[in-house]
């Protein structure tokens, strides 16, 4: 058993993520994908959650999760993160015409004069991980979710 496994297995489960966005009604900076996997949400129905990542059984680490617009439609974006059956983040950005975005885990840092990247904020999951998004409008596409995670064996 590695030192990392001992460390992550002995850590208490995260109950809630509290950050500048967790109260809702504000926008994060739009970030570049960088080393993050981009998950596009398609066929969005207004105010209805859509699963973008589901790991129904397994353990690992979610390093960052961020949702942002992929078009110029005025909307707000909801991001919901459930780890081990417990909702640890559920908030909605303010409505915006330019770059509505919300960061659930990780934090945007200045990468260059015109670019932000997400800095990781690792949270372990012991049995499951679910990330869902919603748009305030019905649209064919419109939200990209940037995630960085690890799955352990």
Protein backbone atom coordinates (compact mmCIF):
# COMPACT_ATOMS: atom_id res chain seq x y z
CA UNK A 1 0.00 0.00 0.00
CA UNK A 2 1.46 3.36 -1.02
CA UNK A 3 1.84 6.37 1.25
CA UNK A 4 -0.70 8.19 -0.93
CA UNK A 5 -3.28 5.42 -0.44
CA UNK A 6 -2.77 5.51 3.31
CA UNK A 7 -3.13 9.29 3.28
CA UNK A 8 -6.27 9.43 1.12
CA UNK A 9 -7.99 6.47 2.81
CA UNK A 10 -7.52 7.99 6.26
CA UNK A 11 -8.80 11.45 5.32
CA UNK A 12 -12.38 12.25 6.34
CA UNK A 13 -14.91 12.64 3.53
CA UNK A 14 -15.53 16.16 2.27
CA UNK A 15 -18.95 17.42 3.36
CA UNK A 16 -19.06 20.70 1.44
CA UNK A 17 -16.94 22.91 -0.79
CA UNK A 18 -17.11 26.55 0.19
CA UNK A 19 -15.54 29.02 -2.22
CA UNK A 20 -16.31 32.35 -3.89
CA UNK A 21 -18.86 30.62 -6.15
CA UNK A 22 -20.64 28.24 -3.74
CA UNK A 23 -23.24 30.86 -2.77
CA UNK A 24 -24.22 31.25 -6.42
CA UNK A 25 -25.02 34.44 -8.28
CA UNK A 26 -21.46 35.22 -9.34
CA UNK A 27 -19.31 34.29 -12.31
CA UNK A 28 -15.89 32.70 -12.37
CA UNK A 29 -13.30 33.58 -14.96
CA UNK A 30 -13.38 31.60 -18.20
CA UNK A 31 -10.40 29.27 -18.16
CA UNK A 32 -8.34 27.49 -20.81
CA UNK A 33 -8.61 23.73 -20.85
CA UNK A 34 -4.88 23.17 -20.30
CA UNK A 35 -4.50 19.67 -18.86
CA UNK A 36 -8.23 19.31 -18.19
CA UNK A 37 -10.59 16.99 -19.98
CA UNK A 38 -13.41 18.94 -21.65
CA UNK A 39 -16.83 17.32 -21.36
CA UNK A 40 -19.48 18.89 -23.60
CA UNK A 41 -23.10 18.81 -22.47
CA UNK A 42 -25.52 18.30 -25.37
CA UNK A 43 -29.31 18.54 -25.66
CA UNK A 44 -29.75 20.77 -22.63
CA UNK A 45 -33.28 21.37 -21.32
CA UNK A 46 -33.69 24.60 -19.35
CA UNK A 47 -32.97 24.18 -15.62
CA UNK A 48 -32.61 20.40 -15.91
CA UNK A 49 -29.45 18.72 -14.68
CA UNK A 50 -27.44 16.76 -17.25
CA UNK A 51 -24.79 14.21 -16.21
CA UNK A 52 -21.39 14.99 -17.71
CA UNK A 53 -19.29 12.57 -15.62
CA UNK A 54 -20.36 9.51 -13.67
CA UNK A 55 -18.11 7.06 -11.89
CA UNK A 56 -20.74 4.93 -10.10
CA UNK A 57 -18.26 2.73 -8.29
CA UNK A 58 -14.60 3.21 -7.60
CA UNK A 59 -12.27 5.51 -5.81
CA UNK A 60 -9.98 8.28 -6.85
CA UNK A 61 -9.39 12.01 -6.67
CA UNK A 62 -11.23 14.91 -8.26
CA UNK A 63 -8.66 17.67 -8.70
CA UNK A 64 -10.83 20.35 -10.31
CA UNK A 65 -14.24 20.93 -11.87
CA UNK A 66 -15.36 24.02 -13.76
CA UNK A 67 -18.29 24.71 -16.11
CA UNK A 68 -18.40 27.49 -18.68
CA UNK A 69 -20.34 28.54 -21.75
CA UNK A 70 -19.41 27.26 -25.17
CA UNK A 71 -21.46 29.85 -27.07
CA UNK A 72 -22.70 33.46 -26.87
CA UNK A 73 -26.18 32.71 -25.49
CA UNK A 74 -27.23 34.67 -22.38
CA UNK A 75 -27.66 32.14 -19.56
CA UNK A 76 -26.68 31.08 -16.10
CA UNK A 77 -24.85 27.81 -15.47
CA UNK A 78 -25.43 25.38 -12.60
CA UNK A 79 -22.71 22.98 -11.48
CA UNK A 80 -23.42 20.12 -9.07
CA UNK A 81 -20.75 17.78 -7.68
CA UNK A 82 -21.70 14.65 -5.73
CA UNK A 83 -19.00 12.57 -4.06
CA UNK A 84 -19.76 9.28 -2.32
CA UNK A 85 -23.49 10.03 -2.46
CA UNK A 86 -23.12 13.45 -0.80
CA UNK A 87 -23.65 16.72 -2.66
CA UNK A 88 -20.55 18.77 -1.89
CA UNK A 89 -21.13 21.61 -4.36
CA UNK A 90 -24.32 22.90 -5.98
CA UNK A 91 -24.41 26.49 -7.21
CA UNK A 92 -25.55 28.56 -10.15
CA UNK A 93 -23.66 31.41 -11.81
CA UNK A 94 -25.29 34.75 -12.49
CA UNK A 95 -26.86 35.16 -15.92
CA UNK A 96 -24.42 36.69 -18.36
CA UNK A 97 -24.04 37.29 -22.08
CA UNK A 98 -20.27 37.11 -21.97
CA UNK A 99 -18.64 34.02 -20.51
CA UNK A 100 -20.88 32.76 -17.72
CA UNK A 101 -18.80 30.27 -15.76
CA UNK A 102 -18.65 28.64 -12.34
CA UNK A 103 -15.81 26.87 -10.53
CA UNK A 104 -16.76 24.10 -8.14
CA UNK A 105 -13.34 22.75 -7.30
CA UNK A 106 -9.94 24.27 -7.97
CA UNK A 107 -9.32 27.95 -8.44
CA UNK A 108 -8.60 30.09 -11.48
CA UNK A 109 -5.09 31.55 -11.55
CA UNK A 110 -3.55 33.99 -13.99
CA UNK A 111 -1.57 32.07 -16.59
CA UNK A 112 -0.84 34.96 -18.96
CA UNK A 113 -2.17 38.44 -19.65
CA UNK A 114 -5.24 37.00 -21.38
CA UNK A 115 -5.58 33.53 -19.94
CA UNK A 116 -6.63 31.78 -16.73
CA UNK A 117 -5.93 28.14 -15.81
CA UNK A 118 -7.35 26.05 -12.98
CA UNK A 119 -5.10 25.22 -10.05
CA UNK A 120 -6.00 21.82 -8.53
CA UNK A 121 -7.74 21.41 -5.18
CA UNK A 122 -7.77 17.60 -4.74
CA UNK A 123 -10.74 15.91 -3.08
CA UNK A 124 -10.78 12.13 -2.70
CA UNK A 125 -13.80 9.99 -3.48
CA UNK A 126 -14.06 6.54 -1.95
CA UNK A 127 -17.03 5.02 -3.76
CA UNK A 128 -18.50 7.31 -6.45
CA UNK A 129 -18.28 10.61 -8.32
CA UNK A 130 -21.05 12.43 -10.20
CA UNK A 131 -20.81 15.80 -11.96
CA UNK A 132 -23.91 17.42 -13.43
CA UNK A 133 -24.57 20.74 -15.16
CA UNK A 134 -27.63 22.73 -16.18
CA UNK A 135 -28.28 25.76 -18.34
CA UNK A 136 -31.02 28.30 -17.67
CA UNK A 137 -32.05 27.98 -21.33
CA UNK A 138 -32.87 25.07 -23.61
CA UNK A 139 -30.11 24.62 -26.17
CA UNK A 140 -28.50 21.92 -28.29
CA UNK A 141 -25.06 22.59 -26.83
CA UNK A 142 -23.81 25.34 -24.61
CA UNK A 143 -21.78 24.17 -21.62
CA UNK A 144 -18.28 22.78 -21.48
CA UNK A 145 -17.23 21.20 -18.21
CA UNK A 146 -13.49 21.07 -17.51
CA UNK A 147 -12.42 18.29 -15.15
CA UNK A 148 -9.20 16.79 -13.92
CA UNK A 149 -9.50 13.55 -11.96
CA UNK A 150 -7.75 10.29 -11.15
CA UNK A 151 -9.25 6.84 -10.70
CA UNK A 152 -7.44 4.37 -8.42
CA UNK A 153 -7.36 0.61 -8.79
